[in-house]
């Protein structure tokens, strides 16, 4: 689709007749829909050489779409004194239990107060710059409201070695989640490609358009009727993968404001369970375990952490409600 030069695209059959902003949202994977609409409004987008300022303009087969966007200044993060829950540290790696609510790296709307800022304060001499200076040492990410174990590389060698492990899917990554209702199976495998939603660029979706393979394995650990506790292991690491796959399977993550359930309006719940679910601080999704091969020693290391307090309270309340229901029956 893209010609030589990242800002020129040719419309093929898959995208013909889409709105211009929807087309660009599909092909410019790292840009938001609002940013694209601003580019169009500002006259930075052309169709076959003619400037277009209307986002709703439909694109036609074989048209040449050009984007002349102003350069975006690079954000160089600074260290900030933000507490870190450190599970392990040596000269090569830092293993952290990330709390829910903490953004991993600077991004639009979150230029400060991120995990990267905290790591740079803790390790002011770290050399793991990587390709993106705004994400030093970052090998993998957790969503802002997902808690749990993460590894950060402190050297260029460690970053390269860990990135290769991530690309080869040799990280052992196990998550815990509270999801709506119950799977019929005790365990299973969800194999469904994920890409950007064409209707909302802030969301991911199961789709066949410019999508990447995504595989999530699940195991049911406990059942509560209206909800269940599941363990999830990733074979791939796509953006919002677990949250999208759980929604696709009809078992969205509780407390997830984008893909899941947050109001519980028509649920039959005990007062304690309803209060605990409404008090969830984001999605009830926790990266419980991370296993890596140490980039210098070659030793296999595994780290685990329990769910945060809000997740545990919701789990305990659902379990107590389920046990009381069984006794009543």
Protein backbone atom coordinates (compact mmCIF):
# COMPACT_ATOMS: atom_id res chain seq x y z
CA UNK A 1 0.00 0.00 0.00
CA UNK A 2 2.68 2.51 1.03
CA UNK A 3 5.04 3.73 -1.64
CA UNK A 4 8.67 4.45 -0.99
CA UNK A 5 8.47 7.38 1.37
CA UNK A 6 6.37 6.79 4.45
CA UNK A 7 3.88 9.54 3.72
CA UNK A 8 2.54 8.42 0.35
CA UNK A 9 -0.12 5.70 -0.02
CA UNK A 10 -1.97 4.14 -2.93
CA UNK A 11 -5.59 3.09 -2.34
CA UNK A 12 -6.16 -0.60 -3.06
CA UNK A 13 -9.39 -2.61 -3.24
CA UNK A 14 -9.45 -3.26 0.49
CA UNK A 15 -9.80 0.45 1.28
CA UNK A 16 -11.64 2.00 -1.65
CA UNK A 17 -14.71 4.11 -0.80
CA UNK A 18 -13.65 4.67 2.82
CA UNK A 19 -13.68 8.18 4.25
CA UNK A 20 -10.29 9.85 3.90
CA UNK A 21 -9.73 10.08 7.66
CA UNK A 22 -10.75 6.44 8.14
CA UNK A 23 -8.38 5.36 5.35
CA UNK A 24 -5.46 7.27 6.87
CA UNK A 25 -6.29 5.95 10.34
CA UNK A 26 -5.99 2.44 8.93
CA UNK A 27 -2.68 2.93 7.15
CA UNK A 28 -0.97 5.27 9.65
CA UNK A 29 -0.96 2.81 12.53
CA UNK A 30 0.69 5.06 15.11
CA UNK A 31 -1.42 8.19 14.62
CA UNK A 32 -4.71 9.07 16.29
CA UNK A 33 -7.87 9.82 14.33
CA UNK A 34 -8.03 13.35 15.79
CA UNK A 35 -4.45 14.08 14.69
CA UNK A 36 -5.23 12.83 11.18
CA UNK A 37 -8.37 14.99 10.99
CA UNK A 38 -6.30 18.02 11.99
CA UNK A 39 -3.77 17.27 9.25
CA UNK A 40 -6.60 17.15 6.72
CA UNK A 41 -8.18 20.36 8.00
CA UNK A 42 -4.80 22.13 7.86
CA UNK A 43 -4.31 21.19 4.20
CA UNK A 44 -1.51 18.69 4.83
CA UNK A 45 -3.19 15.87 2.89
CA UNK A 46 -3.52 15.55 -0.89
CA UNK A 47 -5.34 13.21 -3.26
CA UNK A 48 -3.55 12.87 -6.60
CA UNK A 49 -1.71 16.10 -5.81
CA UNK A 50 -4.77 18.20 -4.88
CA UNK A 51 -5.06 19.43 -1.29
CA UNK A 52 -8.13 18.07 0.51
CA UNK A 53 -9.55 19.65 3.67
CA UNK A 54 -12.66 17.49 4.22
CA UNK A 55 -12.24 14.33 6.31
CA UNK A 56 -15.42 12.77 4.92
CA UNK A 57 -14.12 12.77 1.32
CA UNK A 58 -14.19 9.19 -0.01
CA UNK A 59 -11.03 7.65 -1.44
CA UNK A 60 -11.11 5.77 -4.74
CA UNK A 61 -9.18 2.82 -6.13
CA UNK A 62 -5.58 3.63 -7.18
CA UNK A 63 -5.68 7.22 -5.91
CA UNK A 64 -2.39 8.54 -4.51
CA UNK A 65 -2.81 9.92 -0.98
CA UNK A 66 -0.01 12.20 0.20
CA UNK A 67 0.69 13.47 3.72
CA UNK A 68 2.99 16.41 4.38
CA UNK A 69 2.94 16.46 8.18
CA UNK A 70 5.11 18.79 10.26
CA UNK A 71 7.78 16.95 12.28
CA UNK A 72 6.79 15.99 15.81
CA UNK A 73 9.41 17.05 18.35
CA UNK A 74 11.11 14.19 20.18
CA UNK A 75 10.35 14.04 23.90
CA UNK A 76 13.42 13.34 26.03
CA UNK A 77 12.11 12.23 29.43
CA UNK A 78 13.73 13.37 32.67
CA UNK A 79 14.04 11.47 35.92
CA UNK A 80 11.30 12.01 38.50
CA UNK A 81 11.17 10.87 42.10
CA UNK A 82 8.33 8.37 41.73
CA UNK A 83 8.31 5.30 44.04
CA UNK A 84 9.08 1.95 42.44
CA UNK A 85 8.16 -1.51 43.74
CA UNK A 86 11.38 -3.32 42.78
CA UNK A 87 11.32 -7.12 42.78
CA UNK A 88 14.90 -7.60 41.56
CA UNK A 89 17.76 -5.45 40.34
CA UNK A 90 21.27 -6.10 39.04
CA UNK A 91 23.62 -4.40 36.60
CA UNK A 92 21.60 -5.51 33.57
CA UNK A 93 17.91 -5.59 34.47
CA UNK A 94 15.32 -4.05 36.72
CA UNK A 95 12.22 -6.12 37.56
CA UNK A 96 9.29 -3.98 38.69
CA UNK A 97 5.79 -4.57 40.01
CA UNK A 98 3.96 -1.82 38.12
CA UNK A 99 0.91 -0.40 39.88
CA UNK A 100 -2.38 0.19 38.11
CA UNK A 101 -2.68 3.80 36.94
CA UNK A 102 0.98 4.27 35.98
CA UNK A 103 1.69 4.94 32.28
CA UNK A 104 4.80 3.10 31.08
CA UNK A 105 6.39 5.76 28.85
CA UNK A 106 5.76 9.36 27.74
CA UNK A 107 3.03 9.74 25.13
CA UNK A 108 0.55 12.45 24.10
CA UNK A 109 -1.29 13.48 27.24
CA UNK A 110 1.29 11.82 29.50
CA UNK A 111 4.58 13.66 29.04
CA UNK A 112 5.62 13.21 32.68
CA UNK A 113 4.84 11.00 35.66
CA UNK A 114 5.52 7.74 33.82
CA UNK A 115 7.40 4.56 34.69
CA UNK A 116 10.24 5.75 32.44
CA UNK A 117 10.56 8.96 34.46
CA UNK A 118 10.71 6.90 37.65
CA UNK A 119 13.33 4.50 36.23
CA UNK A 120 15.53 7.38 35.01
CA UNK A 121 15.50 8.86 38.51
CA UNK A 122 16.37 5.49 40.06
CA UNK A 123 19.01 4.67 37.40
CA UNK A 124 20.36 8.06 36.21
CA UNK A 125 23.29 6.46 34.37
CA UNK A 126 21.39 3.76 32.50
CA UNK A 127 22.56 3.43 28.90
CA UNK A 128 19.67 1.51 27.36
CA UNK A 129 18.44 4.21 24.99
CA UNK A 130 17.12 1.91 22.28
CA UNK A 131 15.72 3.30 19.04
CA UNK A 132 13.22 5.62 20.74
CA UNK A 133 14.77 8.08 23.23
CA UNK A 134 11.37 8.51 24.90
CA UNK A 135 11.33 4.81 25.90
CA UNK A 136 14.79 4.01 27.33
CA UNK A 137 15.06 0.42 28.50
CA UNK A 138 11.46 -0.48 27.67
CA UNK A 139 11.19 -3.98 26.22
CA UNK A 140 7.46 -4.61 26.69
CA UNK A 141 4.53 -2.66 28.09
CA UNK A 142 1.54 -3.01 30.33
CA UNK A 143 -1.54 -0.85 29.81
CA UNK A 144 -1.87 2.07 32.21
CA UNK A 145 -4.51 0.36 34.37
CA UNK A 146 -2.94 -3.11 34.20
CA UNK A 147 -0.72 -3.97 37.15
CA UNK A 148 2.05 -6.51 37.50
CA UNK A 149 5.54 -7.68 36.63
CA UNK A 150 7.66 -5.85 34.04
CA UNK A 151 11.33 -6.01 33.07
CA UNK A 152 13.36 -2.91 32.15
CA UNK A 153 16.80 -3.18 30.53
CA UNK A 154 19.61 -1.12 32.06
CA UNK A 155 22.19 -1.63 29.29
CA UNK A 156 22.13 -1.70 25.49
CA UNK A 157 23.22 -5.33 25.50
CA UNK A 158 20.41 -6.28 27.87
CA UNK A 159 17.87 -4.35 25.82
CA UNK A 160 18.91 -6.12 22.62
CA UNK A 161 18.88 -9.56 24.24
CA UNK A 162 15.50 -9.07 25.91
CA UNK A 163 14.00 -7.61 22.74
CA UNK A 164 15.03 -10.77 20.90
CA UNK A 165 13.33 -12.89 23.57
CA UNK A 166 10.16 -10.82 23.29
CA UNK A 167 10.18 -11.12 19.49
CA UNK A 168 10.67 -14.89 19.73
CA UNK A 169 7.83 -15.12 22.29
CA UNK A 170 10.06 -16.84 24.86
CA UNK A 171 8.91 -14.63 27.73
CA UNK A 172 6.69 -16.58 30.13
CA UNK A 173 3.81 -14.13 30.71
CA UNK A 174 0.84 -15.20 32.83
CA UNK A 175 -2.01 -12.85 33.73
CA UNK A 176 -4.96 -13.07 36.08
CA UNK A 177 -8.29 -11.50 35.15
CA UNK A 178 -11.82 -11.24 36.47
CA UNK A 179 -14.19 -11.62 33.53
CA UNK A 180 -17.93 -11.58 32.96
CA UNK A 181 -19.85 -14.86 33.15
CA UNK A 182 -18.11 -18.22 32.67
CA UNK A 183 -16.39 -20.12 29.90
CA UNK A 184 -17.96 -23.52 29.26
CA UNK A 185 -14.47 -24.98 28.84
CA UNK A 186 -11.89 -25.31 31.61
CA UNK A 187 -9.21 -24.06 29.25
CA UNK A 188 -8.90 -23.00 25.63
CA UNK A 189 -7.08 -20.99 22.98
CA UNK A 190 -8.25 -17.79 21.30
CA UNK A 191 -6.65 -17.27 17.90
CA UNK A 192 -7.98 -14.03 16.39
CA UNK A 193 -6.05 -11.31 14.57
CA UNK A 194 -6.03 -7.82 16.09
CA UNK A 195 -5.72 -4.43 14.41
CA UNK A 196 -6.79 -0.82 14.89
CA UNK A 197 -10.52 -0.22 14.90
CA UNK A 198 -11.47 1.76 11.80
CA UNK A 199 -14.26 3.52 13.67
CA UNK A 200 -12.18 4.52 16.71
CA UNK A 201 -8.38 4.73 16.44
CA UNK A 202 -7.99 4.66 20.22
CA UNK A 203 -9.34 1.11 20.28
CA UNK A 204 -8.13 -2.22 18.96
CA UNK A 205 -10.45 -4.85 17.51
CA UNK A 206 -10.54 -8.37 16.14
CA UNK A 207 -10.34 -7.69 12.42
CA UNK A 208 -8.90 -8.93 9.16
CA UNK A 209 -7.83 -5.46 7.97
CA UNK A 210 -4.15 -4.63 8.57
CA UNK A 211 -4.23 -6.96 11.53
CA UNK A 212 -1.55 -9.01 13.26
CA UNK A 213 -1.82 -12.60 14.46
CA UNK A 214 -2.78 -12.78 18.12
CA UNK A 215 -3.10 -15.87 20.33
CA UNK A 216 -4.22 -16.00 23.97
CA UNK A 217 -4.54 -19.17 26.05
CA UNK A 218 -6.95 -19.21 28.97
CA UNK A 219 -7.62 -21.42 31.98
CA UNK A 220 -10.58 -21.06 34.33
CA UNK A 221 -9.40 -20.95 37.94
CA UNK A 222 -12.67 -20.18 39.75
CA UNK A 223 -16.33 -19.70 38.84
CA UNK A 224 -18.83 -17.35 40.49
CA UNK A 225 -21.82 -17.57 38.12
CA UNK A 226 -21.92 -13.95 37.02
CA UNK A 227 -18.12 -13.81 36.74
CA UNK A 228 -15.02 -15.96 36.86
CA UNK A 229 -11.30 -15.81 37.58
CA UNK A 230 -9.14 -16.84 34.64
CA UNK A 231 -5.43 -17.25 34.03
CA UNK A 232 -4.17 -16.10 30.64
CA UNK A 233 -0.92 -16.75 28.82
CA UNK A 234 0.16 -14.90 25.71
CA UNK A 235 1.72 -16.47 22.65
CA UNK A 236 1.88 -12.99 21.08
CA UNK A 237 1.99 -9.50 22.54
CA UNK A 238 -0.41 -7.19 20.72
CA UNK A 239 -1.77 -3.90 22.02
CA UNK A 240 -4.71 -4.53 24.40
CA UNK A 241 -4.58 -8.21 23.36
CA UNK A 242 -6.15 -9.82 26.43
CA UNK A 243 -8.82 -7.13 26.78
CA UNK A 244 -9.79 -7.39 23.10
CA UNK A 245 -9.74 -11.20 23.05
CA UNK A 246 -11.85 -11.43 26.21
CA UNK A 247 -14.42 -9.07 24.70
CA UNK A 248 -14.36 -11.07 21.46
CA UNK A 249 -14.99 -14.27 23.47
CA UNK A 250 -17.96 -12.67 25.22
CA UNK A 251 -16.09 -12.59 28.53
CA UNK A 252 -14.92 -8.97 28.88
CA UNK A 253 -12.65 -7.96 31.74
CA UNK A 254 -14.46 -6.43 34.71
CA UNK A 255 -13.70 -2.78 35.38
CA UNK A 256 -12.40 -2.22 31.83
CA UNK A 257 -13.76 1.18 30.71
CA UNK A 258 -13.01 0.56 27.02
CA UNK A 259 -13.75 -3.09 26.26
CA UNK A 260 -15.39 -4.41 29.40
CA UNK A 261 -17.99 -3.99 32.12
CA UNK A 262 -17.99 -1.11 34.63
CA UNK A 263 -21.58 -0.43 35.75
CA UNK A 264 -22.91 -3.91 36.71
CA UNK A 265 -26.44 -2.42 36.59
CA UNK A 266 -28.44 -5.58 35.92
CA UNK A 267 -26.21 -7.96 37.81
CA UNK A 268 -27.54 -9.95 40.77
CA UNK A 269 -24.86 -9.23 43.35
CA UNK A 270 -24.40 -9.05 47.09
CA UNK A 271 -23.90 -5.55 48.46
CA UNK A 272 -20.26 -6.37 49.21
CA UNK A 273 -19.60 -7.70 45.70
CA UNK A 274 -21.27 -4.73 44.00
CA UNK A 275 -19.30 -2.26 46.12
CA UNK A 276 -16.03 -4.08 45.44
CA UNK A 277 -16.62 -4.24 41.69
CA UNK A 278 -17.58 -0.56 41.48
CA UNK A 279 -14.40 0.28 43.44
CA UNK A 280 -12.11 -1.36 40.87
CA UNK A 281 -9.41 1.10 39.82
CA UNK A 282 -9.44 0.16 36.15
CA UNK A 283 -9.61 -3.29 34.59
CA UNK A 284 -9.20 -6.33 36.85
CA UNK A 285 -6.18 -7.54 34.91
CA UNK A 286 -2.86 -8.32 36.57
CA UNK A 287 0.44 -9.55 35.11
CA UNK A 288 1.04 -12.18 37.78
CA UNK A 289 4.16 -13.85 36.39
CA UNK A 290 7.07 -13.01 34.10
CA UNK A 291 9.81 -15.44 33.17
CA UNK A 292 12.90 -14.31 31.25
CA UNK A 293 16.38 -15.55 30.41
CA UNK A 294 18.91 -13.24 32.03
CA UNK A 295 20.68 -11.39 29.20
CA UNK A 296 24.14 -11.79 30.76
CA UNK A 297 24.14 -14.98 32.83
CA UNK A 298 21.73 -17.05 30.73
CA UNK A 299 19.90 -18.06 33.92
CA UNK A 300 16.16 -18.52 33.69
CA UNK A 301 14.45 -16.15 36.12
CA UNK A 302 10.78 -16.08 37.11
CA UNK A 303 9.03 -13.40 39.16
CA UNK A 304 5.48 -13.39 40.52
CA UNK A 305 3.32 -10.85 42.35
CA UNK A 306 -0.17 -11.10 43.89
CA UNK A 307 -3.02 -8.94 42.51
CA UNK A 308 -3.41 -5.42 43.91
CA UNK A 309 -5.80 -4.70 46.76
CA UNK A 310 -8.80 -3.60 44.67
CA UNK A 311 -8.57 -6.72 42.48
CA UNK A 312 -8.25 -8.96 45.54
CA UNK A 313 -11.23 -7.33 47.30
CA UNK A 314 -13.42 -7.91 44.24
CA UNK A 315 -12.22 -11.51 43.97
CA UNK A 316 -12.86 -12.18 47.67
CA UNK A 317 -16.34 -10.61 47.50
CA UNK A 318 -17.33 -12.63 44.44
CA UNK A 319 -16.02 -15.82 46.02
CA UNK A 320 -17.89 -15.15 49.28
CA UNK A 321 -21.11 -14.41 47.39
CA UNK A 322 -20.77 -17.60 45.35
CA UNK A 323 -20.09 -19.69 48.47
CA UNK A 324 -23.13 -18.22 50.26
CA UNK A 325 -25.33 -18.96 47.23
CA UNK A 326 -24.16 -22.60 47.17
CA UNK A 327 -24.90 -22.98 50.88
CA UNK A 328 -28.39 -21.54 50.40
CA UNK A 329 -29.09 -24.01 47.62
